[in-house]
C-alpha atoms as a PDB file:
ATOM      1  CA  MET A   1      15.100 -28.267   8.793  1.00  0.00           C
ATOM      2  CA  ILE A   2      14.672 -24.721   7.485  1.00  0.00           C
ATOM      3  CA  SER A   3      11.192 -23.641   6.418  1.00  0.00           C
ATOM      4  CA  LEU A   4      10.543 -20.560   4.277  1.00  0.00           C
ATOM      5  CA  LYS A   5       6.773 -20.795   4.753  1.00  0.00           C
ATOM      6  CA  THR A   6       4.856 -17.652   5.641  1.00  0.00           C
ATOM      7  CA  LYS A   7       1.302 -16.341   5.747  1.00  0.00           C
ATOM      8  CA  TYR A   8       0.003 -13.374   3.802  1.00  0.00           C
ATOM      9  CA  MET A   9      -3.640 -12.275   3.654  1.00  0.00           C
ATOM     10  CA  GLY A  10      -4.390 -15.459   5.543  1.00  0.00           C
ATOM     11  CA  LEU A  11      -2.983 -17.463   2.619  1.00  0.00           C
ATOM     12  CA  ASP A  12      -0.318 -20.117   3.126  1.00  0.00           C
ATOM     13  CA  LEU A  13       2.771 -19.332   1.048  1.00  0.00           C
ATOM     14  CA  LYS A  14       5.683 -21.732   0.631  1.00  0.00           C
ATOM     15  CA  ASN A  15       8.014 -18.728   0.744  1.00  0.00           C
ATOM     16  CA  PRO A  16       7.691 -14.925   1.005  1.00  0.00           C
ATOM     17  CA  ILE A  17       8.547 -14.080  -2.630  1.00  0.00           C
ATOM     18  CA  ILE A  18       5.494 -12.864  -4.551  1.00  0.00           C
ATOM     19  CA  VAL A  19       5.657 -11.764  -8.172  1.00  0.00           C
ATOM     20  CA  GLY A  20       3.807  -8.464  -8.375  1.00  0.00           C
ATOM     21  CA  SER A  21       1.179  -7.373 -10.857  1.00  0.00           C
ATOM     22  CA  SER A  22       2.836  -6.780 -14.238  1.00  0.00           C
ATOM     23  CA  GLY A  23       3.226  -8.048 -17.767  1.00  0.00           C
ATOM     24  CA  LEU A  24       5.017 -11.010 -16.198  1.00  0.00           C
ATOM     25  CA  THR A  25       1.721 -12.294 -14.812  1.00  0.00           C
ATOM     26  CA  ASN A  26      -0.666 -11.790 -17.718  1.00  0.00           C
ATOM     27  CA  ASN A  27      -0.452 -15.266 -19.283  1.00  0.00           C
ATOM     28  CA  VAL A  28      -0.367 -18.866 -18.091  1.00  0.00           C
ATOM     29  CA  ILE A  29       2.973 -19.751 -19.697  1.00  0.00           C
ATOM     30  CA  SER A  30       4.775 -16.999 -17.802  1.00  0.00           C
ATOM     31  CA  ILE A  31       2.937 -17.788 -14.568  1.00  0.00           C
ATOM     32  CA  LYS A  32       4.050 -21.444 -14.839  1.00  0.00           C
ATOM     33  CA  GLU A  33       7.665 -20.333 -15.325  1.00  0.00           C
ATOM     34  CA  LEU A  34       7.446 -18.103 -12.255  1.00  0.00           C
ATOM     35  CA  ALA A  35       5.974 -20.903 -10.158  1.00  0.00           C
ATOM     36  CA  GLU A  36       8.575 -23.399 -11.355  1.00  0.00           C
ATOM     37  CA  SER A  37      11.300 -20.889 -10.466  1.00  0.00           C
ATOM     38  CA  GLY A  38      10.040 -20.845  -6.889  1.00  0.00           C
ATOM     39  CA  ALA A  39       7.571 -17.954  -6.553  1.00  0.00           C
ATOM     40  CA  GLY A  40       5.421 -18.224  -3.437  1.00  0.00           C
ATOM     41  CA  ALA A  41       2.451 -16.529  -5.142  1.00  0.00           C
ATOM     42  CA  VAL A  42       1.651 -14.294  -8.097  1.00  0.00           C
ATOM     43  CA  VAL A  43      -0.501 -11.204  -8.456  1.00  0.00           C
ATOM     44  CA  LEU A  44      -2.116 -11.109 -11.876  1.00  0.00           C
ATOM     45  CA  LYS A  45      -1.678  -8.080 -14.118  1.00  0.00           C
ATOM     46  CA  SER A  46      -4.196  -5.447 -13.067  1.00  0.00           C
ATOM     47  CA  LEU A  47      -7.490  -4.828 -14.716  1.00  0.00           C
ATOM     48  CA  PHE A  48      -8.300  -1.127 -14.733  1.00  0.00           C
ATOM     49  CA  GLU A  49     -11.567   0.202 -13.405  1.00  0.00           C
ATOM     50  CA  GLU A  50     -12.152   1.865 -16.770  1.00  0.00           C
ATOM     51  CA  GLN A  51     -11.819  -1.460 -18.592  1.00  0.00           C
ATOM     52  CA  ILE A  52     -14.378  -3.095 -16.334  1.00  0.00           C
ATOM     53  CA  LEU A  53     -16.839  -0.228 -16.599  1.00  0.00           C
ATOM     54  CA  VAL A  54     -16.836  -0.190 -20.373  1.00  0.00           C
ATOM     55  CA  GLU A  55     -17.972  -3.804 -20.574  1.00  0.00           C
ATOM     56  CA  MET A  56     -20.464  -3.479 -17.748  1.00  0.00           C
ATOM     57  CA  GLU A  57     -21.896  -0.325 -19.311  1.00  0.00           C
ATOM     58  CA  GLN A  58     -22.169  -1.412 -22.944  1.00  0.00           C
ATOM     59  CA  ASP A  59     -24.173   1.628 -23.872  1.00  0.00           C
ATOM     60  CA  MET A  60     -21.512   3.896 -22.356  1.00  0.00           C
ATOM     61  CA  GLY A  61     -24.106   4.832 -19.789  1.00  0.00           C
ATOM     62  CA  ASN A  62     -21.721   5.658 -16.950  1.00  0.00           C
ATOM     63  CA  GLU A  63     -22.355   9.319 -17.531  1.00  0.00           C
ATOM     64  CA  GLU A  64     -20.937  10.562 -14.247  1.00  0.00           C
ATOM     65  CA  PHE A  65     -17.601   8.863 -14.896  1.00  0.00           C
ATOM     66  CA  LEU A  66     -17.331  10.209 -18.452  1.00  0.00           C
ATOM     67  CA  ILE A  67     -18.213  13.726 -17.402  1.00  0.00           C
ATOM     68  CA  SER A  68     -15.492  13.749 -14.780  1.00  0.00           C
ATOM     69  CA  HIS A  69     -12.989  11.987 -17.077  1.00  0.00           C
ATOM     70  CA  PRO A  70     -13.801  13.094 -20.665  1.00  0.00           C
ATOM     71  CA  GLU A  71     -10.278  12.237 -21.817  1.00  0.00           C
ATOM     72  CA  MET A  72     -11.100   8.562 -21.182  1.00  0.00           C
ATOM     73  CA  TYR A  73     -13.894   8.385 -23.792  1.00  0.00           C
ATOM     74  CA  ASP A  74     -11.723   7.278 -26.722  1.00  0.00           C
ATOM     75  CA  TYR A  75      -9.866   4.879 -24.442  1.00  0.00           C
ATOM     76  CA  LEU A  76     -13.129   3.317 -23.344  1.00  0.00           C
ATOM     77  CA  LYS A  77     -14.470   3.063 -26.876  1.00  0.00           C
ATOM     78  CA  PHE A  78     -11.291   1.232 -27.895  1.00  0.00           C
ATOM     79  CA  TYR A  79     -11.935  -1.439 -25.291  1.00  0.00           C
ATOM     80  CA  GLU A  80     -15.677  -1.620 -25.877  1.00  0.00           C
ATOM     81  CA  LYS A  81     -15.504  -4.641 -28.171  1.00  0.00           C
ATOM     82  CA  GLN A  82     -12.636  -6.353 -26.385  1.00  0.00           C
ATOM     83  CA  HIS A  83     -13.661  -9.291 -24.228  1.00  0.00           C
ATOM     84  CA  ILE A  84     -11.409  -8.200 -21.412  1.00  0.00           C
ATOM     85  CA  LEU A  85     -13.448  -9.448 -18.495  1.00  0.00           C
ATOM     86  CA  ASP A  86     -14.017 -12.924 -19.929  1.00  0.00           C
ATOM     87  CA  ASP A  87     -10.320 -13.201 -20.755  1.00  0.00           C
ATOM     88  CA  TYR A  88      -9.382 -12.205 -17.205  1.00  0.00           C
ATOM     89  CA  LEU A  89     -11.679 -14.774 -15.629  1.00  0.00           C
ATOM     90  CA  LYS A  90     -10.292 -17.396 -18.009  1.00  0.00           C
ATOM     91  CA  LEU A  91      -6.745 -16.465 -16.981  1.00  0.00           C
ATOM     92  CA  ILE A  92      -7.635 -17.006 -13.319  1.00  0.00           C
ATOM     93  CA  GLN A  93      -9.171 -20.409 -14.046  1.00  0.00           C
ATOM     94  CA  GLU A  94      -6.300 -21.588 -16.225  1.00  0.00           C
ATOM     95  CA  ALA A  95      -3.646 -20.317 -13.819  1.00  0.00           C
ATOM     96  CA  LYS A  96      -5.306 -22.178 -10.935  1.00  0.00           C
ATOM     97  CA  GLN A  97      -5.190 -25.382 -12.954  1.00  0.00           C
ATOM     98  CA  ALA A  98      -1.594 -24.867 -14.057  1.00  0.00           C
ATOM     99  CA  VAL A  99       0.130 -24.053 -10.736  1.00  0.00           C
ATOM    100  CA  ASP A 100      -0.218 -24.905  -7.068  1.00  0.00           C
ATOM    101  CA  ILE A 101       0.583 -21.473  -5.621  1.00  0.00           C
ATOM    102  CA  PRO A 102      -1.917 -18.750  -4.672  1.00  0.00           C
ATOM    103  CA  ILE A 103      -3.274 -16.686  -7.550  1.00  0.00           C
ATOM    104  CA  ILE A 104      -4.163 -13.157  -6.481  1.00  0.00           C
ATOM    105  CA  ALA A 105      -6.260 -11.073  -8.882  1.00  0.00           C
ATOM    106  CA  SER A 106      -5.682  -7.327  -9.151  1.00  0.00           C
ATOM    107  CA  ILE A 107      -7.821  -4.294  -9.967  1.00  0.00           C
ATOM    108  CA  ASN A 108      -6.507  -0.772 -10.401  1.00  0.00           C
ATOM    109  CA  CYS A 109      -9.283   1.480  -9.163  1.00  0.00           C
ATOM    110  CA  MET A 110     -10.147   5.035  -8.149  1.00  0.00           C
ATOM    111  CA  SER A 111     -13.794   4.883  -7.105  1.00  0.00           C
ATOM    112  CA  SER A 112     -16.388   2.565  -5.572  1.00  0.00           C
ATOM    113  CA  SER A 113     -18.684   2.548  -8.612  1.00  0.00           C
ATOM    114  CA  LYS A 114     -20.482  -0.346 -10.275  1.00  0.00           C
ATOM    115  CA  TRP A 115     -17.220  -2.061 -11.270  1.00  0.00           C
ATOM    116  CA  THR A 116     -17.076  -3.596  -7.780  1.00  0.00           C
ATOM    117  CA  GLU A 117     -19.680  -6.149  -8.845  1.00  0.00           C
ATOM    118  CA  PHE A 118     -16.991  -7.786 -10.971  1.00  0.00           C
ATOM    119  CA  ALA A 119     -15.141  -8.747  -7.789  1.00  0.00           C
ATOM    120  CA  LYS A 120     -17.693 -11.519  -7.225  1.00  0.00           C
ATOM    121  CA  GLN A 121     -16.931 -12.994 -10.645  1.00  0.00           C
ATOM    122  CA  ILE A 122     -13.233 -12.962  -9.765  1.00  0.00           C
ATOM    123  CA  GLU A 123     -14.014 -14.939  -6.621  1.00  0.00           C
ATOM    124  CA  ASN A 124     -16.195 -17.402  -8.527  1.00  0.00           C
ATOM    125  CA  ALA A 125     -13.423 -17.922 -11.080  1.00  0.00           C
ATOM    126  CA  GLY A 126     -11.234 -19.313  -8.297  1.00  0.00           C
ATOM    127  CA  ALA A 127      -8.887 -16.478  -7.345  1.00  0.00           C
ATOM    128  CA  ASP A 128      -7.326 -16.988  -3.924  1.00  0.00           C
ATOM    129  CA  GLY A 129      -7.375 -13.275  -3.137  1.00  0.00           C
ATOM    130  CA  LEU A 130      -7.868  -9.812  -4.617  1.00  0.00           C
ATOM    131  CA  GLU A 131      -5.436  -6.909  -4.535  1.00  0.00           C
ATOM    132  CA  LEU A 132      -6.942  -3.446  -4.974  1.00  0.00           C
ATOM    133  CA  ASN A 133      -4.427  -1.043  -6.416  1.00  0.00           C
ATOM    134  CA  ILE A 134      -5.839   2.293  -5.259  1.00  0.00           C
ATOM    135  CA  PHE A 135      -4.259   5.613  -6.065  1.00  0.00           C
ATOM    136  CA  MET A 136      -5.340   9.207  -6.408  1.00  0.00           C
ATOM    137  CA  LEU A 137      -2.545  11.751  -6.636  1.00  0.00           C
ATOM    138  CA  PRO A 138      -3.555  14.496  -4.168  1.00  0.00           C
ATOM    139  CA  SER A 139      -2.745  17.250  -6.633  1.00  0.00           C
ATOM    140  CA  ASP A 140      -5.997  19.203  -6.287  1.00  0.00           C
ATOM    141  CA  PRO A 141      -5.808  21.560  -3.266  1.00  0.00           C
ATOM    142  CA  GLN A 142      -9.609  21.861  -3.303  1.00  0.00           C
ATOM    143  CA  ILE A 143     -10.109  18.206  -2.301  1.00  0.00           C
ATOM    144  CA  ALA A 144     -10.161  17.737   1.470  1.00  0.00           C
ATOM    145  CA  ASP A 145      -8.180  14.967   3.159  1.00  0.00           C
ATOM    146  CA  ASP A 146     -11.394  13.465   4.548  1.00  0.00           C
ATOM    147  CA  LYS A 147     -12.780  13.145   1.032  1.00  0.00           C
ATOM    148  CA  ILE A 148      -9.751  11.166  -0.117  1.00  0.00           C
ATOM    149  CA  LYS A 149      -9.919   8.918   2.933  1.00  0.00           C
ATOM    150  CA  SER A 150     -13.619   8.261   2.371  1.00  0.00           C
ATOM    151  CA  ILE A 151     -12.982   7.183  -1.235  1.00  0.00           C
ATOM    152  CA  TYR A 152     -10.461   4.569  -0.108  1.00  0.00           C
ATOM    153  CA  LEU A 153     -12.724   3.280   2.648  1.00  0.00           C
ATOM    154  CA  ASN A 154     -15.779   3.189   0.381  1.00  0.00           C
ATOM    155  CA  ILE A 155     -13.899   1.040  -2.124  1.00  0.00           C
ATOM    156  CA  ILE A 156     -12.733  -1.311   0.634  1.00  0.00           C
ATOM    157  CA  ASP A 157     -16.187  -1.597   2.203  1.00  0.00           C
ATOM    158  CA  LYS A 158     -17.986  -2.184  -1.079  1.00  0.00           C
ATOM    159  CA  VAL A 159     -15.622  -4.924  -2.244  1.00  0.00           C
ATOM    160  CA  THR A 160     -15.292  -6.744   1.082  1.00  0.00           C
ATOM    161  CA  ASP A 161     -19.079  -6.790   1.426  1.00  0.00           C
ATOM    162  CA  ILE A 162     -19.360  -8.607  -1.923  1.00  0.00           C
ATOM    163  CA  ILE A 163     -16.652 -11.269  -1.640  1.00  0.00           C
ATOM    164  CA  SER A 164     -15.312 -13.610   1.018  1.00  0.00           C
ATOM    165  CA  ILE A 165     -11.804 -14.202  -0.373  1.00  0.00           C
ATOM    166  CA  PRO A 166      -9.102 -12.072   1.305  1.00  0.00           C
ATOM    167  CA  VAL A 167      -8.599  -8.525   0.034  1.00  0.00           C
ATOM    168  CA  SER A 168      -5.458  -6.403   0.184  1.00  0.00           C
ATOM    169  CA  ILE A 169      -4.861  -2.830  -0.891  1.00  0.00           C
ATOM    170  CA  LYS A 170      -1.744  -1.582  -2.643  1.00  0.00           C
ATOM    171  CA  ILE A 171      -1.262   2.109  -1.988  1.00  0.00           C
ATOM    172  CA  SER A 172       1.166   5.009  -2.032  1.00  0.00           C
ATOM    173  CA  TYR A 173       2.456   7.143   0.845  1.00  0.00           C
ATOM    174  CA  TYR A 174       0.704  10.302  -0.371  1.00  0.00           C
ATOM    175  CA  PHE A 175      -1.299  10.889   2.806  1.00  0.00           C
ATOM    176  CA  ASN A 176      -1.336  13.755   5.251  1.00  0.00           C
ATOM    177  CA  ASN A 177      -0.773  11.340   8.152  1.00  0.00           C
ATOM    178  CA  VAL A 178       0.588   8.091   6.748  1.00  0.00           C
ATOM    179  CA  ALA A 179       0.635   6.150  10.015  1.00  0.00           C
ATOM    180  CA  LYS A 180      -2.922   7.096  10.929  1.00  0.00           C
ATOM    181  CA  MET A 181      -4.270   6.210   7.490  1.00  0.00           C
ATOM    182  CA  LEU A 182      -2.506   2.858   7.297  1.00  0.00           C
ATOM    183  CA  GLN A 183      -3.739   1.932  10.743  1.00  0.00           C
ATOM    184  CA  ARG A 184      -7.283   2.981   9.811  1.00  0.00           C
ATOM    185  CA  PHE A 185      -7.187   0.863   6.668  1.00  0.00           C
ATOM    186  CA  SER A 186      -5.976  -2.121   8.682  1.00  0.00           C
ATOM    187  CA  HIS A 187      -9.012  -1.793  10.956  1.00  0.00           C
ATOM    188  CA  SER A 188     -11.302  -2.392   7.983  1.00  0.00           C
ATOM    189  CA  LYS A 189     -11.994  -5.820   6.499  1.00  0.00           C
ATOM    190  CA  ILE A 190      -8.789  -6.000   4.437  1.00  0.00           C
ATOM    191  CA  GLN A 191      -6.232  -8.674   5.271  1.00  0.00           C
ATOM    192  CA  GLY A 192      -3.179  -7.126   3.677  1.00  0.00           C
ATOM    193  CA  LEU A 193      -1.455  -3.807   3.005  1.00  0.00           C
ATOM    194  CA  VAL A 194       1.082  -3.560   0.167  1.00  0.00           C
ATOM    195  CA  LEU A 195       3.609  -0.766   0.766  1.00  0.00           C
ATOM    196  CA  PHE A 196       4.326   1.082  -1.499  1.00  0.00           C
ATOM    197  CA  ASN A 197       3.315   1.301  -5.117  1.00  0.00           C
ATOM    198  CA  LYS A 198       5.711   2.551  -7.764  1.00  0.00           C
ATOM    199  CA  PHE A 199       3.937   4.693 -10.303  1.00  0.00           C
ATOM    200  CA  SER A 200       4.966   5.892 -13.713  1.00  0.00           C
ATOM    201  CA  SER A 201       7.003   9.064 -13.343  1.00  0.00           C
ATOM    202  CA  PRO A 202       7.153  11.990 -15.727  1.00  0.00           C
ATOM    203  CA  ASP A 203      10.295  13.096 -17.489  1.00  0.00           C
ATOM    204  CA  ILE A 204      11.086  15.787 -20.058  1.00  0.00           C
ATOM    205  CA  ASP A 205      12.621  15.296 -23.485  1.00  0.00           C
ATOM    206  CA  LEU A 206      14.854  18.349 -23.834  1.00  0.00           C
ATOM    207  CA  GLU A 207      15.270  17.949 -27.583  1.00  0.00           C
ATOM    208  CA  LYS A 208      11.570  17.670 -28.381  1.00  0.00           C
ATOM    209  CA  GLU A 209      10.553  19.894 -25.440  1.00  0.00           C
ATOM    210  CA  GLU A 210       7.775  17.589 -24.352  1.00  0.00           C
ATOM    211  CA  THR A 211       6.837  15.504 -21.355  1.00  0.00           C
ATOM    212  CA  ILE A 212       7.459  11.775 -21.569  1.00  0.00           C
ATOM    213  CA  PHE A 213       7.250   8.731 -19.312  1.00  0.00           C
ATOM    214  CA  GLY A 214      10.332   8.179 -17.179  1.00  0.00           C
ATOM    215  CA  ASN A 215      11.991   4.905 -16.197  1.00  0.00           C
ATOM    216  CA  SER A 216       9.375   2.470 -14.884  1.00  0.00           C
ATOM    217  CA  PHE A 217      11.809   0.088 -13.163  1.00  0.00           C
ATOM    218  CA  SER A 218      12.695   0.451  -9.509  1.00  0.00           C
ATOM    219  CA  THR A 219      16.241   0.723  -8.195  1.00  0.00           C
ATOM    220  CA  PRO A 220      17.672  -0.630  -4.909  1.00  0.00           C
ATOM    221  CA  THR A 221      17.583   2.862  -3.371  1.00  0.00           C
ATOM    222  CA  ASP A 222      13.794   2.928  -3.771  1.00  0.00           C
ATOM    223  CA  MET A 223      13.466   0.409  -0.950  1.00  0.00           C
ATOM    224  CA  SER A 224      14.398   2.775   1.891  1.00  0.00           C
ATOM    225  CA  ASN A 225      10.998   4.430   2.236  1.00  0.00           C
ATOM    226  CA  THR A 226       9.229   1.069   2.263  1.00  0.00           C
ATOM    227  CA  LEU A 227      11.664  -0.218   4.886  1.00  0.00           C
ATOM    228  CA  ARG A 228      10.994   2.797   7.104  1.00  0.00           C
ATOM    229  CA  TRP A 229       7.218   2.422   7.054  1.00  0.00           C
ATOM    230  CA  ILE A 230       7.174  -1.371   7.330  1.00  0.00           C
ATOM    231  CA  GLY A 231       9.316  -1.018  10.444  1.00  0.00           C
ATOM    232  CA  ILE A 232       7.109   1.716  11.908  1.00  0.00           C
ATOM    233  CA  MET A 233       3.759   0.106  11.123  1.00  0.00           C
ATOM    234  CA  SER A 234       4.291  -3.629  11.581  1.00  0.00           C
ATOM    235  CA  ASN A 235       3.226  -3.647  15.237  1.00  0.00           C
ATOM    236  CA  ILE A 236       0.376  -1.143  15.032  1.00  0.00           C
ATOM    237  CA  VAL A 237      -1.695  -2.535  12.150  1.00  0.00           C
ATOM    238  CA  ASP A 238      -4.229  -5.358  12.236  1.00  0.00           C
ATOM    239  CA  CYS A 239      -3.318  -7.015   8.946  1.00  0.00           C
ATOM    240  CA  ASP A 240      -0.323  -8.482   7.130  1.00  0.00           C
ATOM    241  CA  LEU A 241       2.190  -6.183   5.478  1.00  0.00           C
ATOM    242  CA  CYS A 242       3.708  -6.902   2.087  1.00  0.00           C
ATOM    243  CA  ALA A 243       6.690  -4.843   0.941  1.00  0.00           C
ATOM    244  CA  THR A 244       7.292  -3.761  -2.629  1.00  0.00           C
ATOM    245  CA  THR A 245       9.448  -1.427  -4.744  1.00  0.00           C
ATOM    246  CA  GLY A 246      13.250  -1.561  -4.783  1.00  0.00           C
ATOM    247  CA  ILE A 247      13.659  -5.202  -3.715  1.00  0.00           C
ATOM    248  CA  HIS A 248      16.431  -6.540  -5.938  1.00  0.00           C
ATOM    249  CA  ASN A 249      17.909  -9.506  -4.059  1.00  0.00           C
ATOM    250  CA  GLY A 250      17.357 -11.890  -1.180  1.00  0.00           C
ATOM    251  CA  LYS A 251      19.129  -9.631   1.291  1.00  0.00           C
ATOM    252  CA  ASP A 252      16.645  -6.848   0.540  1.00  0.00           C
ATOM    253  CA  ALA A 253      13.805  -9.280   1.237  1.00  0.00           C
ATOM    254  CA  LEU A 254      15.421 -10.318   4.529  1.00  0.00           C
ATOM    255  CA  LYS A 255      15.720  -6.696   5.674  1.00  0.00           C
ATOM    256  CA  LEU A 256      12.033  -6.093   5.063  1.00  0.00           C
ATOM    257  CA  ILE A 257      11.022  -9.289   6.862  1.00  0.00           C
ATOM    258  CA  LEU A 258      13.182  -8.285   9.829  1.00  0.00           C
ATOM    259  CA  ALA A 259      11.333  -4.951   9.801  1.00  0.00           C
ATOM    260  CA  GLY A 260       7.986  -6.769   9.911  1.00  0.00           C
ATOM    261  CA  ALA A 261       6.864  -7.693   6.385  1.00  0.00           C
ATOM    262  CA  SER A 262       5.166 -11.049   5.903  1.00  0.00           C
ATOM    263  CA  SER A 263       6.146 -11.150   2.241  1.00  0.00           C
ATOM    264  CA  VAL A 264       7.657  -9.078  -0.555  1.00  0.00           C
ATOM    265  CA  GLN A 265       6.628  -8.381  -4.137  1.00  0.00           C
ATOM    266  CA  ILE A 266       9.197  -8.239  -6.906  1.00  0.00           C
ATOM    267  CA  VAL A 267       8.908  -7.208 -10.563  1.00  0.00           C
ATOM    268  CA  SER A 268      11.800  -5.069 -11.820  1.00  0.00           C
ATOM    269  CA  SER A 269      14.507  -7.547 -10.857  1.00  0.00           C
ATOM    270  CA  ILE A 270      12.758 -10.294 -12.847  1.00  0.00           C
ATOM    271  CA  TYR A 271      12.495  -8.064 -15.906  1.00  0.00           C
ATOM    272  CA  LYS A 272      16.205  -7.318 -15.597  1.00  0.00           C
ATOM    273  CA  ASN A 273      17.399 -10.845 -14.787  1.00  0.00           C
ATOM    274  CA  SER A 274      14.632 -13.275 -15.891  1.00  0.00           C
ATOM    275  CA  HIS A 275      12.392 -15.450 -13.714  1.00  0.00           C
ATOM    276  CA  LYS A 276      15.431 -17.497 -12.666  1.00  0.00           C
ATOM    277  CA  ILE A 277      16.403 -14.724 -10.223  1.00  0.00           C
ATOM    278  CA  ILE A 278      13.673 -15.975  -7.877  1.00  0.00           C
ATOM    279  CA  GLY A 279      15.807 -19.009  -7.075  1.00  0.00           C
ATOM    280  CA  GLU A 280      18.706 -16.716  -6.195  1.00  0.00           C
ATOM    281  CA  TYR A 281      16.479 -14.818  -3.768  1.00  0.00           C
ATOM    282  CA  LEU A 282      15.508 -18.055  -2.050  1.00  0.00           C
ATOM    283  CA  LYS A 283      19.100 -19.292  -1.828  1.00  0.00           C
ATOM    284  CA  GLU A 284      20.207 -16.022  -0.213  1.00  0.00           C
ATOM    285  CA  ILE A 285      17.361 -16.148   2.303  1.00  0.00           C
ATOM    286  CA  GLN A 286      18.017 -19.770   3.219  1.00  0.00           C
ATOM    287  CA  SER A 287      21.770 -19.243   3.467  1.00  0.00           C
ATOM    288  CA  TRP A 288      21.313 -16.289   5.817  1.00  0.00           C
ATOM    289  CA  MET A 289      18.852 -18.249   7.955  1.00  0.00           C
ATOM    290  CA  GLU A 290      21.315 -21.143   8.236  1.00  0.00           C
ATOM    291  CA  GLU A 291      24.108 -18.783   9.216  1.00  0.00           C
ATOM    292  CA  HIS A 292      21.975 -17.063  11.856  1.00  0.00           C
ATOM    293  CA  LYS A 293      20.411 -20.295  13.181  1.00  0.00           C
ATOM    294  CA  TYR A 294      16.797 -19.593  12.213  1.00  0.00           C
ATOM    295  CA  ASP A 295      14.634 -22.504  11.140  1.00  0.00           C
ATOM    296  CA  SER A 296      11.552 -20.483  10.169  1.00  0.00           C
ATOM    297  CA  ILE A 297      10.568 -17.031   8.907  1.00  0.00           C
ATOM    298  CA  GLN A 298       8.460 -16.434  12.002  1.00  0.00           C
ATOM    299  CA  LYS A 299      11.527 -16.673  14.238  1.00  0.00           C
ATOM    300  CA  PHE A 300      12.919 -13.366  12.937  1.00  0.00           C
ATOM    301  CA  LYS A 301       9.945 -11.616  11.291  1.00  0.00           C
ATOM    302  CA  GLY A 302       9.610  -8.183  12.875  1.00  0.00           C
ATOM    303  CA  LYS A 303      12.673  -8.637  15.082  1.00  0.00           C
ATOM    304  CA  LEU A 304      13.930  -5.204  14.055  1.00  0.00           C
ATOM    305  CA  SER A 305      10.593  -3.400  13.923  1.00  0.00           C
ATOM    306  CA  LYS A 306       9.922  -0.182  15.772  1.00  0.00           C
ATOM    307  CA  SER A 307       8.679  -2.108  18.806  1.00  0.00           C
ATOM    308  CA  ALA A 308      12.260  -2.644  19.899  1.00  0.00           C
ATOM    309  CA  GLU A 309      13.288   0.535  21.718  1.00  0.00           C
ATOM    310  CA  ILE A 310      16.699   0.618  20.123  1.00  0.00           C
ATOM    311  CA  ASN A 311      15.106   1.041  16.691  1.00  0.00           C
ATOM    312  CA  ASP A 312      12.584   3.801  17.440  1.00  0.00           C
ATOM    313  CA  THR A 313      14.895   6.697  16.663  1.00  0.00           C
ATOM    314  CA  LEU A 314      16.414   5.081  13.597  1.00  0.00           C
ATOM    315  CA  TYR A 315      13.081   4.562  11.860  1.00  0.00           C
ATOM    316  CA  GLU A 316      11.672   7.973  12.725  1.00  0.00           C
ATOM    317  CA  ARG A 317      14.705  10.217  12.335  1.00  0.00           C
ATOM    318  CA  VAL A 318      14.675  11.991   8.965  1.00  0.00           C
ATOM    319  CA  GLN A 319      17.751  14.197   9.380  1.00  0.00           C
ATOM    320  CA  PHE A 320      21.329  12.978   9.078  1.00  0.00           C
ATOM    321  CA  VAL A 321      23.165  12.836  12.402  1.00  0.00           C
ATOM    322  CA  LYS A 322      26.187  10.572  12.559  1.00  0.00           C
ATOM    323  CA  GLN A 323      26.627   9.700   8.906  1.00  0.00           C
ATOM    324  CA  TYR A 324      28.166  13.035   7.945  1.00  0.00           C
ATOM    325  CA  GLN A 325      29.739  14.009  11.239  1.00  0.00           C
ATOM    326  CA  LYS A 326      33.501  14.406  11.099  1.00  0.00           C
END
């Protein structure tokens, strides 16, 4: 009998398909639909550090944050009277009652300030895990690499010291030495790495001559970078790897599992095709496993990772060799 069960962050998942943090996971009705369609877990829509701070600092007393981010003042004032934190804790509680799959909370953060205290409330509300979506675009040449690394590690240390539920971090590949940083993060107390985040991208409106937000959905070609680094890192990190960005069908998920991912996160394909696409992913995975005589995910997970000598060059080569040779 074929089993699609896997483990991620130490959590037991009935299958490797996780619905990533998005508008799809910000209400119980949608979460129930995702679970009924076969999702192995869901990551709730992210709370932003700024949203948490404004309710924890009712008198707007986080002076250091406001000085360094003055453009956020109006944004923070807008949220001041919104009961965001209570609503988020209620969502966790109601989602846990409504479905029988892991509910992973999510916080989008950029510092290790007082907001980290809210992580304990997330744990007490019943969340099965917490995903920290950490990103700082290294666009300031005056900031040293060590400073950026220390910010990430400080956030990890502060949160994992407060809570006992598993913690993962969702990050980008904007590091001077990606492999070294990912390995260092895995040596901390986190239990999962999510590779890689897709951020909003700028575009330019030629008619209005102004900058605008570009397309927020991923495309199948976006998966290649994630595939490369999952394959390279899967045998040299001390935590589970979850792949995200550009995964648009079951075959994409299979490729990433073969490279070493324990699970995958999907969002764009659900927006484009509805929650019913999850069932199609699972059918493709099961059909492939039947064809290739695998009865469990563990039998082929990481089979094509960098550890196999034949794959070393393919994952690490960045120049075209045979593809365009005549």
